[in-house]
């Protein structure tokens, strides 16, 4: 199972948030480091084994 989350953050926190997600095992996709309306974003993706997905 794949878990995807869209992370939107203020421009000055972008790199910190990106590193936080990398540390806990997410892969980063679709980075938008240039702020739009003051916010940057990225997609964090993690593959969850089926035995963990059920709870």
Protein backbone atom coordinates (compact mmCIF):
# COMPACT_ATOMS: atom_id res chain seq x y z
CA UNK A 1 0.00 0.00 0.00
CA UNK A 2 1.27 3.48 -0.83
CA UNK A 3 0.66 6.45 1.44
CA UNK A 4 0.94 9.90 -0.16
CA UNK A 5 0.58 13.20 1.63
CA UNK A 6 0.79 16.71 0.25
CA UNK A 7 2.81 18.99 2.52
CA UNK A 8 2.33 22.74 2.23
CA UNK A 9 4.52 25.01 4.29
CA UNK A 10 5.85 28.53 4.55
CA UNK A 11 8.88 29.16 2.36
CA UNK A 12 11.29 29.58 5.30
CA UNK A 13 10.31 26.14 6.69
CA UNK A 14 10.39 24.24 3.38
CA UNK A 15 13.81 22.61 3.77
CA UNK A 16 13.22 21.67 7.44
CA UNK A 17 9.87 20.01 6.64
CA UNK A 18 11.43 18.21 3.69
CA UNK A 19 14.23 16.82 5.87
CA UNK A 20 11.77 15.78 8.62
CA UNK A 21 9.85 13.62 6.17
CA UNK A 22 13.02 12.11 4.71
CA UNK A 23 14.21 11.15 8.23
CA UNK A 24 11.05 9.16 8.97
CA UNK A 25 11.19 7.20 5.72
CA UNK A 26 9.22 9.15 3.13
CA UNK A 27 10.40 9.74 -0.41
CA UNK A 28 9.89 13.25 -1.76
CA UNK A 29 8.14 13.92 -5.07
CA UNK A 30 6.76 16.95 -6.88
CA UNK A 31 8.77 19.56 -5.01
CA UNK A 32 7.64 23.16 -5.44
CA UNK A 33 10.38 25.10 -3.59
CA UNK A 34 9.45 28.44 -5.17
CA UNK A 35 6.67 30.03 -3.10
CA UNK A 36 3.25 30.62 -4.61
CA UNK A 37 1.20 32.99 -2.44
CA UNK A 38 3.90 32.59 0.22
CA UNK A 39 3.69 28.77 0.39
CA UNK A 40 5.84 25.95 -0.94
CA UNK A 41 4.85 22.30 -1.20
CA UNK A 42 5.94 18.74 -1.90
CA UNK A 43 4.45 15.26 -1.94
CA UNK A 44 5.77 12.76 0.61
CA UNK A 45 5.37 9.09 -0.38
CA UNK A 46 5.83 6.01 1.77
CA UNK A 47 5.23 2.36 0.95
CA UNK A 48 3.51 0.59 3.83
CA UNK A 49 3.76 -3.22 3.97
CA UNK A 50 0.32 -4.87 3.88
CA UNK A 51 0.74 -6.34 7.37
CA UNK A 52 1.24 -2.83 8.86
CA UNK A 53 -1.59 -1.23 6.87
CA UNK A 54 -4.30 -3.19 8.69
CA UNK A 55 -3.38 -1.74 12.00
